[in-house]
Amino acid sequence: MPKLDRETIRRWLEDHDWSVKRLANECSVLSGEEFPEGTMRNVINGIDPVRPGRIRLIARVTAKYGDGLSYATLLAKNQ
């Protein structure tokens, strides 16, 4: 499973003044599936890999609330 490019997602969160908790909550609302804050934190920090569907979900949330990050942009380059 892939990992997120942590610098890219961290920069997006900082630029939009978002917390990891808010991103997790918005992903949960959009998908209707629980995306726990701790899981999101591990994904953002590059500790845990993430399912491709959840990467697409994060991309959808970033597009809905900002300038949007594509699936390809969110993927870590050094897998």
N, C-alpha and C. Protein backbone atom coordinates (compact mmCIF):
# COMPACT_ATOMS: atom_id res chain seq x y z
N MET A 1 0.84 -1.18 0.00
CA MET A 1 0.00 0.00 0.00
C MET A 1 0.88 1.24 0.00
N PRO A 2 0.40 2.29 -0.64
CA PRO A 2 1.20 3.52 -0.73
C PRO A 2 1.17 4.35 0.55
N LYS A 3 2.08 5.29 0.60
CA LYS A 3 2.12 6.26 1.69
C LYS A 3 1.93 7.65 1.10
N LEU A 4 1.49 8.59 1.95
CA LEU A 4 1.33 9.98 1.52
C LEU A 4 2.67 10.68 1.51
N ASP A 5 2.77 11.67 0.64
CA ASP A 5 3.91 12.59 0.66
C ASP A 5 3.66 13.54 1.82
N ARG A 6 4.33 13.30 2.91
CA ARG A 6 4.01 14.03 4.14
C ARG A 6 4.30 15.52 4.05
N GLU A 7 5.30 15.91 3.30
CA GLU A 7 5.59 17.34 3.16
C GLU A 7 4.47 18.05 2.41
N THR A 8 3.94 17.41 1.39
CA THR A 8 2.86 18.01 0.60
C THR A 8 1.59 18.18 1.42
N ILE A 9 1.18 17.14 2.12
CA ILE A 9 -0.06 17.24 2.89
C ILE A 9 0.12 18.16 4.09
N ARG A 10 1.27 18.13 4.72
CA ARG A 10 1.51 19.04 5.85
C ARG A 10 1.47 20.50 5.39
N ARG A 11 2.06 20.78 4.22
CA ARG A 11 2.04 22.14 3.68
C ARG A 11 0.60 22.57 3.40
N TRP A 12 -0.21 21.67 2.82
CA TRP A 12 -1.60 22.00 2.53
C TRP A 12 -2.34 22.32 3.83
N LEU A 13 -2.15 21.50 4.85
CA LEU A 13 -2.82 21.74 6.13
C LEU A 13 -2.41 23.09 6.71
N GLU A 14 -1.12 23.38 6.65
CA GLU A 14 -0.64 24.66 7.19
C GLU A 14 -1.17 25.84 6.38
N ASP A 15 -1.12 25.73 5.06
CA ASP A 15 -1.59 26.82 4.20
C ASP A 15 -3.08 27.11 4.39
N HIS A 16 -3.85 26.10 4.74
CA HIS A 16 -5.29 26.27 4.90
C HIS A 16 -5.71 26.35 6.37
N ASP A 17 -4.72 26.38 7.25
CA ASP A 17 -4.96 26.50 8.69
C ASP A 17 -5.90 25.39 9.19
N TRP A 18 -5.59 24.17 8.76
CA TRP A 18 -6.37 23.01 9.15
C TRP A 18 -5.58 22.16 10.12
N SER A 19 -6.30 21.46 10.99
CA SER A 19 -5.68 20.47 11.87
C SER A 19 -5.87 19.08 11.26
N VAL A 20 -5.12 18.14 11.77
CA VAL A 20 -5.29 16.75 11.36
C VAL A 20 -6.70 16.29 11.71
N LYS A 21 -7.18 16.73 12.85
CA LYS A 21 -8.53 16.37 13.29
C LYS A 21 -9.58 16.85 12.30
N ARG A 22 -9.44 18.07 11.82
CA ARG A 22 -10.42 18.59 10.86
C ARG A 22 -10.39 17.78 9.57
N LEU A 23 -9.20 17.46 9.08
CA LEU A 23 -9.09 16.66 7.86
C LEU A 23 -9.75 15.29 8.07
N ALA A 24 -9.48 14.66 9.20
CA ALA A 24 -10.09 13.36 9.49
C ALA A 24 -11.61 13.48 9.55
N ASN A 25 -12.12 14.53 10.20
CA ASN A 25 -13.57 14.72 10.30
C ASN A 25 -14.20 14.96 8.93
N GLU A 26 -13.57 15.79 8.12
CA GLU A 26 -14.12 16.08 6.78
C GLU A 26 -14.11 14.83 5.92
N CYS A 27 -13.07 14.02 6.03
CA CYS A 27 -13.02 12.76 5.28
C CYS A 27 -14.12 11.82 5.74
N SER A 28 -14.34 11.77 7.04
CA SER A 28 -15.40 10.92 7.59
C SER A 28 -16.78 11.35 7.09
N VAL A 29 -17.02 12.65 7.10
CA VAL A 29 -18.31 13.17 6.65
C VAL A 29 -18.52 12.88 5.16
N LEU A 30 -17.51 13.13 4.36
CA LEU A 30 -17.64 12.96 2.92
C LEU A 30 -17.83 11.50 2.53
N SER A 31 -17.17 10.60 3.24
CA SER A 31 -17.24 9.18 2.88
C SER A 31 -18.33 8.43 3.61
N GLY A 32 -18.75 8.95 4.77
CA GLY A 32 -19.71 8.22 5.58
C GLY A 32 -19.06 7.08 6.36
N GLU A 33 -17.75 7.00 6.29
CA GLU A 33 -16.96 5.98 6.99
C GLU A 33 -16.05 6.68 8.00
N GLU A 34 -15.91 6.10 9.17
CA GLU A 34 -15.05 6.69 10.21
C GLU A 34 -13.60 6.71 9.76
N PHE A 35 -12.97 7.86 9.83
CA PHE A 35 -11.54 8.01 9.55
C PHE A 35 -10.96 8.60 10.82
N PRO A 36 -10.51 7.75 11.76
CA PRO A 36 -10.05 8.23 13.07
C PRO A 36 -8.88 9.21 12.98
N GLU A 37 -8.88 10.16 13.89
CA GLU A 37 -7.82 11.18 13.91
C GLU A 37 -6.44 10.53 14.07
N GLY A 38 -6.31 9.54 14.93
CA GLY A 38 -5.01 8.88 15.13
C GLY A 38 -4.51 8.20 13.87
N THR A 39 -5.41 7.59 13.14
CA THR A 39 -5.04 6.96 11.86
C THR A 39 -4.58 8.03 10.88
N MET A 40 -5.34 9.13 10.81
CA MET A 40 -4.97 10.22 9.89
C MET A 40 -3.61 10.78 10.28
N ARG A 41 -3.36 10.95 11.56
CA ARG A 41 -2.07 11.48 12.01
C ARG A 41 -0.92 10.55 11.56
N ASN A 42 -1.10 9.25 11.71
CA ASN A 42 -0.07 8.30 11.30
C ASN A 42 0.15 8.32 9.79
N VAL A 43 -0.94 8.48 9.04
CA VAL A 43 -0.84 8.56 7.58
C VAL A 43 -0.09 9.83 7.17
N ILE A 44 -0.45 10.95 7.77
CA ILE A 44 0.18 12.23 7.43
C ILE A 44 1.66 12.24 7.81
N ASN A 45 1.99 11.59 8.91
CA ASN A 45 3.39 11.55 9.35
C ASN A 45 4.22 10.50 8.61
N GLY A 46 3.59 9.77 7.70
CA GLY A 46 4.32 8.77 6.93
C GLY A 46 4.63 7.51 7.70
N ILE A 47 3.98 7.33 8.84
CA ILE A 47 4.22 6.14 9.66
C ILE A 47 3.51 4.93 9.06
N ASP A 48 2.26 5.14 8.65
CA ASP A 48 1.45 4.04 8.12
C ASP A 48 1.13 4.27 6.65
N PRO A 49 1.04 3.18 5.90
CA PRO A 49 0.54 3.29 4.53
C PRO A 49 -0.98 3.52 4.58
N VAL A 50 -1.54 3.86 3.45
CA VAL A 50 -2.98 4.16 3.39
C VAL A 50 -3.57 3.53 2.14
N ARG A 51 -4.81 3.08 2.27
CA ARG A 51 -5.48 2.49 1.11
C ARG A 51 -5.65 3.54 0.01
N PRO A 52 -5.52 3.13 -1.25
CA PRO A 52 -5.70 4.08 -2.35
C PRO A 52 -7.02 4.83 -2.31
N GLY A 53 -8.09 4.16 -1.88
CA GLY A 53 -9.39 4.83 -1.78
C GLY A 53 -9.39 5.98 -0.80
N ARG A 54 -8.63 5.84 0.27
CA ARG A 54 -8.54 6.93 1.25
C ARG A 54 -7.69 8.07 0.71
N ILE A 55 -6.71 7.77 -0.11
CA ILE A 55 -5.93 8.85 -0.74
C ILE A 55 -6.84 9.64 -1.68
N ARG A 56 -7.68 8.94 -2.44
CA ARG A 56 -8.64 9.63 -3.31
C ARG A 56 -9.59 10.50 -2.49
N LEU A 57 -9.99 9.99 -1.34
CA LEU A 57 -10.88 10.74 -0.45
C LEU A 57 -10.20 12.01 0.04
N ILE A 58 -8.96 11.92 0.46
CA ILE A 58 -8.21 13.11 0.89
C ILE A 58 -8.10 14.10 -0.26
N ALA A 59 -7.87 13.60 -1.47
CA ALA A 59 -7.80 14.47 -2.65
C ALA A 59 -9.13 15.19 -2.86
N ARG A 60 -10.24 14.48 -2.68
CA ARG A 60 -11.56 15.10 -2.84
C ARG A 60 -11.80 16.18 -1.80
N VAL A 61 -11.40 15.93 -0.57
CA VAL A 61 -11.57 16.93 0.49
C VAL A 61 -10.73 18.16 0.20
N THR A 62 -9.48 17.97 -0.23
CA THR A 62 -8.64 19.13 -0.52
C THR A 62 -9.19 19.93 -1.69
N ALA A 63 -9.82 19.25 -2.64
CA ALA A 63 -10.43 19.96 -3.77
C ALA A 63 -11.68 20.72 -3.34
N LYS A 64 -12.43 20.15 -2.42
CA LYS A 64 -13.67 20.79 -1.95
C LYS A 64 -13.38 22.04 -1.14
N TYR A 65 -12.30 22.03 -0.38
CA TYR A 65 -12.02 23.12 0.55
C TYR A 65 -10.78 23.94 0.23
N GLY A 66 -10.29 23.83 -0.96
CA GLY A 66 -9.10 24.61 -1.28
C GLY A 66 -8.70 24.41 -2.72
N ASP A 67 -7.43 24.49 -2.94
CA ASP A 67 -6.90 24.40 -4.29
C ASP A 67 -6.76 22.96 -4.77
N GLY A 68 -6.94 22.00 -3.91
CA GLY A 68 -6.97 20.59 -4.30
C GLY A 68 -5.61 20.00 -4.58
N LEU A 69 -5.42 18.80 -4.09
CA LEU A 69 -4.21 18.03 -4.36
C LEU A 69 -4.65 16.77 -5.09
N SER A 70 -3.99 16.45 -6.16
CA SER A 70 -4.35 15.26 -6.93
C SER A 70 -3.84 14.00 -6.23
N TYR A 71 -4.38 12.88 -6.65
CA TYR A 71 -3.94 11.59 -6.12
C TYR A 71 -2.43 11.44 -6.32
N ALA A 72 -1.96 11.73 -7.52
CA ALA A 72 -0.53 11.59 -7.83
C ALA A 72 0.33 12.51 -6.98
N THR A 73 -0.14 13.70 -6.70
CA THR A 73 0.60 14.65 -5.88
C THR A 73 0.69 14.18 -4.43
N LEU A 74 -0.34 13.51 -3.95
CA LEU A 74 -0.37 13.03 -2.58
C LEU A 74 0.51 11.81 -2.32
N LEU A 75 0.85 11.08 -3.37
CA LEU A 75 1.67 9.87 -3.19
C LEU A 75 3.11 10.21 -2.87
N ALA A 76 3.66 9.48 -1.91
CA ALA A 76 5.07 9.64 -1.57
C ALA A 76 5.91 9.19 -2.76
N LYS A 77 6.94 9.93 -3.04
CA LYS A 77 7.78 9.64 -4.21
C LYS A 77 8.68 8.43 -3.98
N ASN A 78 9.09 8.20 -2.74
CA ASN A 78 10.03 7.12 -2.42
C ASN A 78 9.29 5.98 -1.76
N GLN A 79 8.58 5.22 -2.51
CA GLN A 79 7.79 4.10 -1.95
C GLN A 79 8.67 2.89 -1.78
